[in-house]
Amino acid sequence: MYLFYIIFSALLCFLILKWLKRRRYCMDVKRLDGKTVLITGGNTGIGKETAVLLALRGARVIIACRDEEKARKAVREIKARSHNMNVLYMEVDLANMRSIREFSKIFLQKEKQLDILINNAGMPSVLDWTDDDFSMCFGVNHLGHFLLTNLLLPRLKESSPSRVINLTCSSYKYQKLDFQDLNYNLFPFFTYCRSKLANIYFTHELARMLEGKGVTAYAVHPGYVQSNWICHYSVLFRILVQVVMFMFFVSCEAGAQTVVYCAVSDKVLEHNGGYFTDCQPAQLRAFARDSGVAKKLWEASERLVKLA
């Protein structure tokens, strides 16, 4: 009898966990033949799965990351899984503004088309500094992609209709921006939350500024995903988090679905500047929809990356 209860309890727990981890899959069958997609951080995690899924649809996929060895290995895997040989790698370090400028210059020289820009790369909750003395989370997750997107805007406009997809996280709701201390770097989780909130404001203001110009923008929360972000932490922390991730987090393939949905679906066009999760638009907290704050962050970001 005890054995029956143990088996029943285990099965019940398994079904509950499966229910908690349920995700919608992108059912749009739209092809991307002749389209060029740029994915930052496309060598691992959600970025790599997104690259595979878009390459399967016929897109020319460029993954941009800083580790050449890992990138070349990822390119081989993406080609093998998608049977698409039109996949390549370009080097960029989003923690270095000079690297971003050099990358953008080379990209604009070599690439005559950019249909979809996916700002996927990101840093987890870490206390560190970029080469330009920005907090690592804010510098990479927001400022790096802010500069990259602005430098590539000419090609995005020329390739219209085109799309910009910024990966964010639902943890944005736990913090608000402090314009007296945008470079906040005290508590790791709070630093991360602020950078993800900045992604949402950036998406909102980008969509507003480009309205009617053929470029649309979307913020995507992919869910809590079993990726390798824990590599930045201690062995003990990684072991503990692996257990939690196995129980509650979704696979990288599942996490990539909303990114793919925003890249291919025509239904998202009526939600330009919107926030998406689980392959559908989602409601943001009121403070994250503040257009005044979004504009103020844009202007501050321009000064910080020396675009203004």
C-alpha atoms as a PDB file:
ATOM      1  CA  MET A   1       0.000   0.000   0.000  1.00  0.00           C
ATOM      2  CA  TYR A   2       2.841   2.372   0.859  1.00  0.00           C
ATOM      3  CA  LEU A   3       4.402   1.639  -2.508  1.00  0.00           C
ATOM      4  CA  PHE A   4       1.154   2.624  -4.209  1.00  0.00           C
ATOM      5  CA  TYR A   5       1.082   5.971  -2.360  1.00  0.00           C
ATOM      6  CA  ILE A   6       4.727   6.632  -3.260  1.00  0.00           C
ATOM      7  CA  ILE A   7       4.113   5.891  -6.937  1.00  0.00           C
ATOM      8  CA  PHE A   8       0.893   7.908  -6.947  1.00  0.00           C
ATOM      9  CA  SER A   9       2.577  10.894  -5.254  1.00  0.00           C
ATOM     10  CA  ALA A  10       5.510  10.785  -7.646  1.00  0.00           C
ATOM     11  CA  LEU A  11       3.180  10.655 -10.648  1.00  0.00           C
ATOM     12  CA  LEU A  12       1.094  13.510  -9.274  1.00  0.00           C
ATOM     13  CA  CYS A  13       4.198  15.661  -8.717  1.00  0.00           C
ATOM     14  CA  PHE A  14       5.379  14.872 -12.233  1.00  0.00           C
ATOM     15  CA  LEU A  15       2.041  15.913 -13.754  1.00  0.00           C
ATOM     16  CA  ILE A  16       1.933  19.121 -11.693  1.00  0.00           C
ATOM     17  CA  LEU A  17       5.444  20.050 -12.814  1.00  0.00           C
ATOM     18  CA  LYS A  18       4.539  19.310 -16.432  1.00  0.00           C
ATOM     19  CA  TRP A  19       1.481  21.555 -16.078  1.00  0.00           C
ATOM     20  CA  LEU A  20       3.566  24.359 -14.552  1.00  0.00           C
ATOM     21  CA  LYS A  21       6.068  24.121 -17.427  1.00  0.00           C
ATOM     22  CA  ARG A  22       3.488  24.060 -20.227  1.00  0.00           C
ATOM     23  CA  ARG A  23       4.247  26.492 -23.068  1.00  0.00           C
ATOM     24  CA  ARG A  24       2.662  27.426 -26.377  1.00  0.00           C
ATOM     25  CA  TYR A  25       4.603  26.651 -29.535  1.00  0.00           C
ATOM     26  CA  CYS A  26       4.752  28.939 -32.561  1.00  0.00           C
ATOM     27  CA  MET A  27       2.395  27.373 -35.098  1.00  0.00           C
ATOM     28  CA  ASP A  28       2.979  29.950 -37.849  1.00  0.00           C
ATOM     29  CA  VAL A  29       4.534  28.152 -40.845  1.00  0.00           C
ATOM     30  CA  LYS A  30       5.834  31.284 -42.562  1.00  0.00           C
ATOM     31  CA  ARG A  31       9.114  30.810 -44.457  1.00  0.00           C
ATOM     32  CA  LEU A  32      12.048  33.237 -44.264  1.00  0.00           C
ATOM     33  CA  ASP A  33      13.788  32.443 -47.533  1.00  0.00           C
ATOM     34  CA  GLY A  34      15.840  35.425 -48.695  1.00  0.00           C
ATOM     35  CA  LYS A  35      15.717  37.046 -45.240  1.00  0.00           C
ATOM     36  CA  THR A  36      18.768  37.892 -43.103  1.00  0.00           C
ATOM     37  CA  VAL A  37      18.599  37.443 -39.338  1.00  0.00           C
ATOM     38  CA  LEU A  38      21.175  38.700 -36.820  1.00  0.00           C
ATOM     39  CA  ILE A  39      21.110  37.118 -33.360  1.00  0.00           C
ATOM     40  CA  THR A  40      23.384  38.298 -30.551  1.00  0.00           C
ATOM     41  CA  GLY A  41      24.499  35.497 -28.259  1.00  0.00           C
ATOM     42  CA  GLY A  42      23.391  32.959 -30.840  1.00  0.00           C
ATOM     43  CA  ASN A  43      26.044  30.448 -29.849  1.00  0.00           C
ATOM     44  CA  THR A  44      24.221  29.054 -26.843  1.00  0.00           C
ATOM     45  CA  GLY A  45      20.899  28.722 -25.008  1.00  0.00           C
ATOM     46  CA  ILE A  46      17.798  30.444 -26.362  1.00  0.00           C
ATOM     47  CA  GLY A  47      19.848  32.242 -28.988  1.00  0.00           C
ATOM     48  CA  LYS A  48      21.129  29.023 -30.519  1.00  0.00           C
ATOM     49  CA  GLU A  49      17.696  27.391 -30.516  1.00  0.00           C
ATOM     50  CA  THR A  50      16.247  30.505 -32.148  1.00  0.00           C
ATOM     51  CA  ALA A  51      18.990  30.334 -34.786  1.00  0.00           C
ATOM     52  CA  VAL A  52      18.134  26.689 -35.528  1.00  0.00           C
ATOM     53  CA  LEU A  53      14.406  27.363 -35.787  1.00  0.00           C
ATOM     54  CA  LEU A  54      14.844  30.361 -38.103  1.00  0.00           C
ATOM     55  CA  ALA A  55      17.460  28.567 -40.219  1.00  0.00           C
ATOM     56  CA  LEU A  56      14.940  25.747 -40.639  1.00  0.00           C
ATOM     57  CA  ARG A  57      12.619  28.329 -42.200  1.00  0.00           C
ATOM     58  CA  GLY A  58      15.269  29.215 -44.784  1.00  0.00           C
ATOM     59  CA  ALA A  59      16.703  32.384 -43.254  1.00  0.00           C
ATOM     60  CA  ARG A  60      20.304  33.477 -43.614  1.00  0.00           C
ATOM     61  CA  VAL A  61      21.381  33.478 -39.964  1.00  0.00           C
ATOM     62  CA  ILE A  62      24.302  35.427 -38.502  1.00  0.00           C
ATOM     63  CA  ILE A  63      25.183  34.787 -34.871  1.00  0.00           C
ATOM     64  CA  ALA A  64      27.126  37.550 -33.133  1.00  0.00           C
ATOM     65  CA  CYS A  65      29.136  36.696 -30.028  1.00  0.00           C
ATOM     66  CA  ARG A  66      32.597  37.146 -28.503  1.00  0.00           C
ATOM     67  CA  ASP A  67      33.878  33.556 -28.132  1.00  0.00           C
ATOM     68  CA  GLU A  68      35.082  32.425 -31.554  1.00  0.00           C
ATOM     69  CA  GLU A  69      35.606  28.769 -30.615  1.00  0.00           C
ATOM     70  CA  LYS A  70      32.120  28.374 -29.156  1.00  0.00           C
ATOM     71  CA  ALA A  71      30.633  30.316 -32.059  1.00  0.00           C
ATOM     72  CA  ARG A  72      32.201  28.105 -34.725  1.00  0.00           C
ATOM     73  CA  LYS A  73      31.035  25.004 -32.868  1.00  0.00           C
ATOM     74  CA  ALA A  74      27.525  26.471 -32.674  1.00  0.00           C
ATOM     75  CA  VAL A  75      27.539  27.304 -36.395  1.00  0.00           C
ATOM     76  CA  ARG A  76      28.379  23.679 -37.226  1.00  0.00           C
ATOM     77  CA  GLU A  77      25.559  22.453 -34.967  1.00  0.00           C
ATOM     78  CA  ILE A  78      23.011  24.921 -36.383  1.00  0.00           C
ATOM     79  CA  LYS A  79      23.908  23.905 -39.936  1.00  0.00           C
ATOM     80  CA  ALA A  80      23.660  20.200 -39.086  1.00  0.00           C
ATOM     81  CA  ARG A  81      20.296  20.517 -37.334  1.00  0.00           C
ATOM     82  CA  SER A  82      18.681  22.881 -39.849  1.00  0.00           C
ATOM     83  CA  HIS A  83      20.321  21.526 -43.046  1.00  0.00           C
ATOM     84  CA  ASN A  84      20.868  25.198 -43.906  1.00  0.00           C
ATOM     85  CA  MET A  85      24.436  26.077 -44.888  1.00  0.00           C
ATOM     86  CA  ASN A  86      23.721  29.808 -44.866  1.00  0.00           C
ATOM     87  CA  VAL A  87      24.747  30.278 -41.225  1.00  0.00           C
ATOM     88  CA  LEU A  88      27.778  32.291 -40.153  1.00  0.00           C
ATOM     89  CA  TYR A  89      29.476  33.956 -37.212  1.00  0.00           C
ATOM     90  CA  MET A  90      30.662  37.506 -36.576  1.00  0.00           C
ATOM     91  CA  GLU A  91      32.597  38.609 -33.521  1.00  0.00           C
ATOM     92  CA  VAL A  92      31.317  41.266 -31.120  1.00  0.00           C
ATOM     93  CA  ASP A  93      31.769  41.962 -27.417  1.00  0.00           C
ATOM     94  CA  LEU A  94      28.693  43.711 -26.061  1.00  0.00           C
ATOM     95  CA  ALA A  95      30.639  44.729 -22.960  1.00  0.00           C
ATOM     96  CA  ASN A  96      32.889  46.921 -25.130  1.00  0.00           C
ATOM     97  CA  MET A  97      31.498  49.923 -27.031  1.00  0.00           C
ATOM     98  CA  ARG A  98      34.462  50.027 -29.408  1.00  0.00           C
ATOM     99  CA  SER A  99      33.858  46.385 -30.332  1.00  0.00           C
ATOM    100  CA  ILE A 100      30.191  47.151 -31.046  1.00  0.00           C
ATOM    101  CA  ARG A 101      31.131  50.082 -33.280  1.00  0.00           C
ATOM    102  CA  GLU A 102      33.702  48.002 -35.177  1.00  0.00           C
ATOM    103  CA  PHE A 103      31.233  45.143 -35.584  1.00  0.00           C
ATOM    104  CA  SER A 104      28.527  47.475 -36.899  1.00  0.00           C
ATOM    105  CA  LYS A 105      30.914  49.082 -39.372  1.00  0.00           C
ATOM    106  CA  ILE A 106      31.956  45.682 -40.769  1.00  0.00           C
ATOM    107  CA  PHE A 107      28.354  44.444 -40.826  1.00  0.00           C
ATOM    108  CA  LEU A 108      27.144  47.472 -42.779  1.00  0.00           C
ATOM    109  CA  GLN A 109      29.999  47.052 -45.255  1.00  0.00           C
ATOM    110  CA  LYS A 110      29.403  43.345 -45.824  1.00  0.00           C
ATOM    111  CA  GLU A 111      25.662  42.897 -45.383  1.00  0.00           C
ATOM    112  CA  LYS A 112      23.212  44.642 -47.686  1.00  0.00           C
ATOM    113  CA  GLN A 113      20.163  43.356 -45.849  1.00  0.00           C
ATOM    114  CA  LEU A 114      18.953  42.994 -42.263  1.00  0.00           C
ATOM    115  CA  ASP A 115      15.356  41.853 -41.877  1.00  0.00           C
ATOM    116  CA  ILE A 116      15.302  40.697 -38.251  1.00  0.00           C
ATOM    117  CA  LEU A 117      17.569  41.813 -35.398  1.00  0.00           C
ATOM    118  CA  ILE A 118      17.263  39.697 -32.263  1.00  0.00           C
ATOM    119  CA  ASN A 119      18.964  41.242 -29.225  1.00  0.00           C
ATOM    120  CA  ASN A 120      19.257  38.008 -27.286  1.00  0.00           C
ATOM    121  CA  ALA A 121      22.637  38.094 -25.522  1.00  0.00           C
ATOM    122  CA  GLY A 122      22.618  39.001 -21.877  1.00  0.00           C
ATOM    123  CA  MET A 123      24.329  38.831 -18.526  1.00  0.00           C
ATOM    124  CA  PRO A 124      22.639  37.292 -15.474  1.00  0.00           C
ATOM    125  CA  SER A 125      22.692  38.772 -11.979  1.00  0.00           C
ATOM    126  CA  VAL A 126      26.413  39.487 -11.583  1.00  0.00           C
ATOM    127  CA  LEU A 127      28.360  42.330  -9.990  1.00  0.00           C
ATOM    128  CA  ASP A 128      30.992  43.272 -12.524  1.00  0.00           C
ATOM    129  CA  TRP A 129      31.954  46.115 -14.832  1.00  0.00           C
ATOM    130  CA  THR A 130      32.246  46.462 -18.586  1.00  0.00           C
ATOM    131  CA  ASP A 131      35.341  47.778 -20.354  1.00  0.00           C
ATOM    132  CA  ASP A 132      33.640  51.189 -20.436  1.00  0.00           C
ATOM    133  CA  ASP A 133      32.924  51.203 -16.666  1.00  0.00           C
ATOM    134  CA  PHE A 134      29.227  50.438 -16.878  1.00  0.00           C
ATOM    135  CA  SER A 135      27.675  47.859 -14.575  1.00  0.00           C
ATOM    136  CA  MET A 136      27.824  44.549 -16.456  1.00  0.00           C
ATOM    137  CA  CYS A 137      24.071  43.936 -16.508  1.00  0.00           C
ATOM    138  CA  PHE A 138      23.073  47.447 -17.556  1.00  0.00           C
ATOM    139  CA  GLY A 139      26.038  47.800 -19.906  1.00  0.00           C
ATOM    140  CA  VAL A 140      25.514  44.533 -21.806  1.00  0.00           C
ATOM    141  CA  ASN A 141      21.791  43.917 -21.492  1.00  0.00           C
ATOM    142  CA  HIS A 142      20.717  47.465 -22.314  1.00  0.00           C
ATOM    143  CA  LEU A 143      23.457  49.862 -23.450  1.00  0.00           C
ATOM    144  CA  GLY A 144      25.265  47.346 -25.669  1.00  0.00           C
ATOM    145  CA  HIS A 145      22.095  46.455 -27.543  1.00  0.00           C
ATOM    146  CA  PHE A 146      20.942  50.077 -27.576  1.00  0.00           C
ATOM    147  CA  LEU A 147      24.127  51.123 -29.368  1.00  0.00           C
ATOM    148  CA  LEU A 148      24.119  48.108 -31.692  1.00  0.00           C
ATOM    149  CA  THR A 149      20.510  48.667 -32.750  1.00  0.00           C
ATOM    150  CA  ASN A 150      21.024  52.365 -33.408  1.00  0.00           C
ATOM    151  CA  LEU A 151      24.121  51.730 -35.495  1.00  0.00           C
ATOM    152  CA  LEU A 152      22.292  49.105 -37.573  1.00  0.00           C
ATOM    153  CA  LEU A 153      19.123  51.155 -38.036  1.00  0.00           C
ATOM    154  CA  PRO A 154      20.098  52.346 -41.540  1.00  0.00           C
ATOM    155  CA  ARG A 155      20.175  48.741 -42.772  1.00  0.00           C
ATOM    156  CA  LEU A 156      16.960  47.853 -40.943  1.00  0.00           C
ATOM    157  CA  LYS A 157      15.177  50.785 -42.589  1.00  0.00           C
ATOM    158  CA  GLU A 158      16.523  49.852 -46.015  1.00  0.00           C
ATOM    159  CA  SER A 159      15.279  46.277 -45.502  1.00  0.00           C
ATOM    160  CA  SER A 160      11.790  47.262 -44.352  1.00  0.00           C
ATOM    161  CA  PRO A 161       9.509  45.749 -43.356  1.00  0.00           C
ATOM    162  CA  SER A 162      11.954  44.640 -40.667  1.00  0.00           C
ATOM    163  CA  ARG A 163      11.774  43.787 -36.979  1.00  0.00           C
ATOM    164  CA  VAL A 164      13.780  44.260 -33.778  1.00  0.00           C
ATOM    165  CA  ILE A 165      13.200  41.766 -30.966  1.00  0.00           C
ATOM    166  CA  ASN A 166      14.589  42.504 -27.504  1.00  0.00           C
ATOM    167  CA  LEU A 167      14.687  39.714 -24.944  1.00  0.00           C
ATOM    168  CA  THR A 168      13.634  40.820 -21.498  1.00  0.00           C
ATOM    169  CA  CYS A 169      12.317  39.093 -18.356  1.00  0.00           C
ATOM    170  CA  SER A 170       9.213  39.275 -16.196  1.00  0.00           C
ATOM    171  CA  SER A 171      11.502  40.132 -13.269  1.00  0.00           C
ATOM    172  CA  TYR A 172      11.410  43.728 -14.568  1.00  0.00           C
ATOM    173  CA  LYS A 173       8.460  44.236 -12.211  1.00  0.00           C
ATOM    174  CA  TYR A 174      10.636  44.052  -9.074  1.00  0.00           C
ATOM    175  CA  GLN A 175      12.561  47.290  -9.692  1.00  0.00           C
ATOM    176  CA  LYS A 176      12.263  50.798 -11.073  1.00  0.00           C
ATOM    177  CA  LEU A 177      14.949  52.882 -12.756  1.00  0.00           C
ATOM    178  CA  ASP A 178      16.813  55.505 -10.763  1.00  0.00           C
ATOM    179  CA  PHE A 179      18.074  58.154 -13.185  1.00  0.00           C
ATOM    180  CA  GLN A 180      20.452  59.403 -10.512  1.00  0.00           C
ATOM    181  CA  ASP A 181      22.109  55.990 -10.533  1.00  0.00           C
ATOM    182  CA  LEU A 182      21.526  54.187 -13.835  1.00  0.00           C
ATOM    183  CA  ASN A 183      24.846  52.447 -13.272  1.00  0.00           C
ATOM    184  CA  TYR A 184      23.499  50.817 -10.104  1.00  0.00           C
ATOM    185  CA  ASN A 185      25.616  47.796  -9.194  1.00  0.00           C
ATOM    186  CA  LEU A 186      24.939  46.896  -5.570  1.00  0.00           C
ATOM    187  CA  PHE A 187      22.563  43.917  -5.347  1.00  0.00           C
ATOM    188  CA  PRO A 188      23.011  41.512  -8.304  1.00  0.00           C
ATOM    189  CA  PHE A 189      19.344  40.579  -8.760  1.00  0.00           C
ATOM    190  CA  PHE A 190      18.170  44.199  -8.598  1.00  0.00           C
ATOM    191  CA  THR A 191      20.808  45.179 -11.170  1.00  0.00           C
ATOM    192  CA  TYR A 192      19.504  42.491 -13.502  1.00  0.00           C
ATOM    193  CA  CYS A 193      15.866  43.529 -12.984  1.00  0.00           C
ATOM    194  CA  ARG A 194      16.651  47.139 -13.850  1.00  0.00           C
ATOM    195  CA  SER A 195      18.433  46.109 -17.052  1.00  0.00           C
ATOM    196  CA  LYS A 196      15.406  44.048 -18.101  1.00  0.00           C
ATOM    197  CA  LEU A 197      13.094  46.974 -17.382  1.00  0.00           C
ATOM    198  CA  ALA A 198      15.383  49.121 -19.542  1.00  0.00           C
ATOM    199  CA  ASN A 199      14.903  46.605 -22.385  1.00  0.00           C
ATOM    200  CA  ILE A 200      11.149  47.193 -22.207  1.00  0.00           C
ATOM    201  CA  TYR A 201      11.446  50.993 -22.192  1.00  0.00           C
ATOM    202  CA  PHE A 202      13.928  50.776 -25.087  1.00  0.00           C
ATOM    203  CA  THR A 203      11.510  48.651 -27.120  1.00  0.00           C
ATOM    204  CA  HIS A 204       8.635  51.028 -26.440  1.00  0.00           C
ATOM    205  CA  GLU A 205      10.550  54.143 -27.449  1.00  0.00           C
ATOM    206  CA  LEU A 206      12.168  52.463 -30.474  1.00  0.00           C
ATOM    207  CA  ALA A 207       8.735  51.483 -31.779  1.00  0.00           C
ATOM    208  CA  ARG A 208       7.430  55.011 -31.227  1.00  0.00           C
ATOM    209  CA  MET A 209      10.369  56.662 -33.009  1.00  0.00           C
ATOM    210  CA  LEU A 210      10.204  54.290 -35.983  1.00  0.00           C
ATOM    211  CA  GLU A 211       6.433  54.287 -36.390  1.00  0.00           C
ATOM    212  CA  GLY A 212       5.552  54.463 -40.077  1.00  0.00           C
ATOM    213  CA  LYS A 213       9.154  53.813 -41.163  1.00  0.00           C
ATOM    214  CA  GLY A 214       8.816  50.080 -41.762  1.00  0.00           C
ATOM    215  CA  VAL A 215      10.646  48.884 -38.632  1.00  0.00           C
ATOM    216  CA  THR A 216       8.716  47.387 -35.716  1.00  0.00           C
ATOM    217  CA  ALA A 217       9.960  46.348 -32.277  1.00  0.00           C
ATOM    218  CA  TYR A 218       8.885  43.793 -29.673  1.00  0.00           C
ATOM    219  CA  ALA A 219       9.988  42.861 -26.155  1.00  0.00           C
ATOM    220  CA  VAL A 220       9.910  39.141 -25.360  1.00  0.00           C
ATOM    221  CA  HIS A 221       9.936  37.312 -22.046  1.00  0.00           C
ATOM    222  CA  PRO A 222      10.880  33.757 -23.089  1.00  0.00           C
ATOM    223  CA  GLY A 223       9.989  32.222 -19.735  1.00  0.00           C
ATOM    224  CA  TYR A 224      12.412  30.827 -17.192  1.00  0.00           C
ATOM    225  CA  VAL A 225      14.708  28.691 -19.281  1.00  0.00           C
ATOM    226  CA  GLN A 226      17.201  25.885 -18.642  1.00  0.00           C
ATOM    227  CA  SER A 227      20.208  27.624 -20.205  1.00  0.00           C
ATOM    228  CA  ASN A 228      23.846  27.992 -19.222  1.00  0.00           C
ATOM    229  CA  TRP A 229      23.528  31.369 -17.474  1.00  0.00           C
ATOM    230  CA  ILE A 230      24.561  29.646 -14.243  1.00  0.00           C
ATOM    231  CA  CYS A 231      28.118  29.213 -15.590  1.00  0.00           C
ATOM    232  CA  HIS A 232      28.901  32.627 -14.067  1.00  0.00           C
ATOM    233  CA  TYR A 233      28.435  31.292 -10.525  1.00  0.00           C
ATOM    234  CA  SER A 234      30.102  28.916  -8.058  1.00  0.00           C
ATOM    235  CA  VAL A 235      29.915  25.130  -8.386  1.00  0.00           C
ATOM    236  CA  LEU A 236      27.678  24.774  -5.315  1.00  0.00           C
ATOM    237  CA  PHE A 237      25.249  27.397  -6.604  1.00  0.00           C
ATOM    238  CA  ARG A 238      25.160  25.698 -10.005  1.00  0.00           C
ATOM    239  CA  ILE A 239      24.303  22.342  -8.448  1.00  0.00           C
ATOM    240  CA  LEU A 240      21.461  23.813  -6.393  1.00  0.00           C
ATOM    241  CA  VAL A 241      20.052  25.819  -9.301  1.00  0.00           C
ATOM    242  CA  GLN A 242      20.245  22.840 -11.662  1.00  0.00           C
ATOM    243  CA  VAL A 243      17.746  21.023  -9.443  1.00  0.00           C
ATOM    244  CA  VAL A 244      15.371  24.000  -9.466  1.00  0.00           C
ATOM    245  CA  MET A 245      15.747  24.455 -13.219  1.00  0.00           C
ATOM    246  CA  PHE A 246      15.029  20.794 -13.885  1.00  0.00           C
ATOM    247  CA  MET A 247      11.838  21.015 -11.847  1.00  0.00           C
ATOM    248  CA  PHE A 248      10.414  24.369 -12.932  1.00  0.00           C
ATOM    249  CA  PHE A 249      12.275  25.814 -15.936  1.00  0.00           C
ATOM    250  CA  VAL A 250      11.435  25.128 -19.580  1.00  0.00           C
ATOM    251  CA  SER A 251      13.787  23.930 -22.324  1.00  0.00           C
ATOM    252  CA  CYS A 252      15.662  26.348 -24.594  1.00  0.00           C
ATOM    253  CA  GLU A 253      13.531  25.143 -27.503  1.00  0.00           C
ATOM    254  CA  ALA A 254      10.346  26.059 -25.630  1.00  0.00           C
ATOM    255  CA  GLY A 255      11.858  29.388 -24.572  1.00  0.00           C
ATOM    256  CA  ALA A 256      12.685  30.253 -28.175  1.00  0.00           C
ATOM    257  CA  GLN A 257       9.084  29.874 -29.366  1.00  0.00           C
ATOM    258  CA  THR A 258       7.918  33.399 -28.507  1.00  0.00           C
ATOM    259  CA  VAL A 259      11.039  34.876 -30.105  1.00  0.00           C
ATOM    260  CA  VAL A 260      10.269  32.960 -33.306  1.00  0.00           C
ATOM    261  CA  TYR A 261       6.620  33.985 -33.068  1.00  0.00           C
ATOM    262  CA  CYS A 262       7.551  37.677 -32.956  1.00  0.00           C
ATOM    263  CA  ALA A 263       9.998  37.147 -35.831  1.00  0.00           C
ATOM    264  CA  VAL A 264       7.518  35.550 -38.231  1.00  0.00           C
ATOM    265  CA  SER A 265       3.903  36.171 -37.239  1.00  0.00           C
ATOM    266  CA  ASP A 266       1.919  38.983 -38.854  1.00  0.00           C
ATOM    267  CA  LYS A 267      -0.366  39.059 -35.817  1.00  0.00           C
ATOM    268  CA  VAL A 268       2.290  40.892 -33.793  1.00  0.00           C
ATOM    269  CA  LEU A 269       2.260  43.889 -36.148  1.00  0.00           C
ATOM    270  CA  GLU A 270      -0.764  45.387 -34.400  1.00  0.00           C
ATOM    271  CA  HIS A 271       1.201  45.327 -31.123  1.00  0.00           C
ATOM    272  CA  ASN A 272       4.248  47.331 -32.203  1.00  0.00           C
ATOM    273  CA  GLY A 273       6.329  48.130 -29.127  1.00  0.00           C
ATOM    274  CA  GLY A 274       4.488  45.459 -27.162  1.00  0.00           C
ATOM    275  CA  TYR A 275       5.535  42.889 -24.608  1.00  0.00           C
ATOM    276  CA  PHE A 276       5.089  39.198 -25.443  1.00  0.00           C
ATOM    277  CA  THR A 277       5.307  35.947 -23.550  1.00  0.00           C
ATOM    278  CA  ASP A 278       4.108  32.432 -24.345  1.00  0.00           C
ATOM    279  CA  CYS A 279       3.414  33.397 -27.996  1.00  0.00           C
ATOM    280  CA  GLN A 280       0.908  36.102 -27.108  1.00  0.00           C
ATOM    281  CA  PRO A 281       0.879  39.751 -26.020  1.00  0.00           C
ATOM    282  CA  ALA A 282       0.964  40.295 -22.270  1.00  0.00           C
ATOM    283  CA  GLN A 283       0.089  43.181 -19.992  1.00  0.00           C
ATOM    284  CA  LEU A 284       2.903  45.214 -18.426  1.00  0.00           C
ATOM    285  CA  ARG A 285       2.814  46.897 -15.040  1.00  0.00           C
ATOM    286  CA  ALA A 286       1.703  50.525 -15.323  1.00  0.00           C
ATOM    287  CA  PHE A 287       5.134  51.977 -14.514  1.00  0.00           C
ATOM    288  CA  ALA A 288       6.705  49.937 -17.347  1.00  0.00           C
ATOM    289  CA  ARG A 289       4.332  51.591 -19.859  1.00  0.00           C
ATOM    290  CA  ASP A 290       5.408  55.127 -18.968  1.00  0.00           C
ATOM    291  CA  SER A 291       6.298  56.841 -22.256  1.00  0.00           C
ATOM    292  CA  GLY A 292       7.952  59.725 -20.439  1.00  0.00           C
ATOM    293  CA  VAL A 293      10.383  57.408 -18.660  1.00  0.00           C
ATOM    294  CA  ALA A 294      11.052  55.533 -21.917  1.00  0.00           C
ATOM    295  CA  LYS A 295      11.981  58.777 -23.687  1.00  0.00           C
ATOM    296  CA  LYS A 296      14.121  59.921 -20.758  1.00  0.00           C
ATOM    297  CA  LEU A 297      16.010  56.610 -20.757  1.00  0.00           C
ATOM    298  CA  TRP A 298      16.579  56.878 -24.520  1.00  0.00           C
ATOM    299  CA  GLU A 299      18.092  60.347 -24.144  1.00  0.00           C
ATOM    300  CA  ALA A 300      20.258  59.242 -21.203  1.00  0.00           C
ATOM    301  CA  SER A 301      21.408  56.158 -23.119  1.00  0.00           C
ATOM    302  CA  GLU A 302      22.371  58.294 -26.123  1.00  0.00           C
ATOM    303  CA  ARG A 303      24.634  60.351 -23.879  1.00  0.00           C
ATOM    304  CA  LEU A 304      26.166  57.313 -22.192  1.00  0.00           C
ATOM    305  CA  VAL A 305      27.103  55.577 -25.459  1.00  0.00           C
ATOM    306  CA  LYS A 306      28.074  58.908 -27.064  1.00  0.00           C
ATOM    307  CA  LEU A 307      25.417  58.939 -29.772  1.00  0.00           C
ATOM    308  CA  ALA A 308      24.068  62.336 -28.711  1.00  0.00           C
END
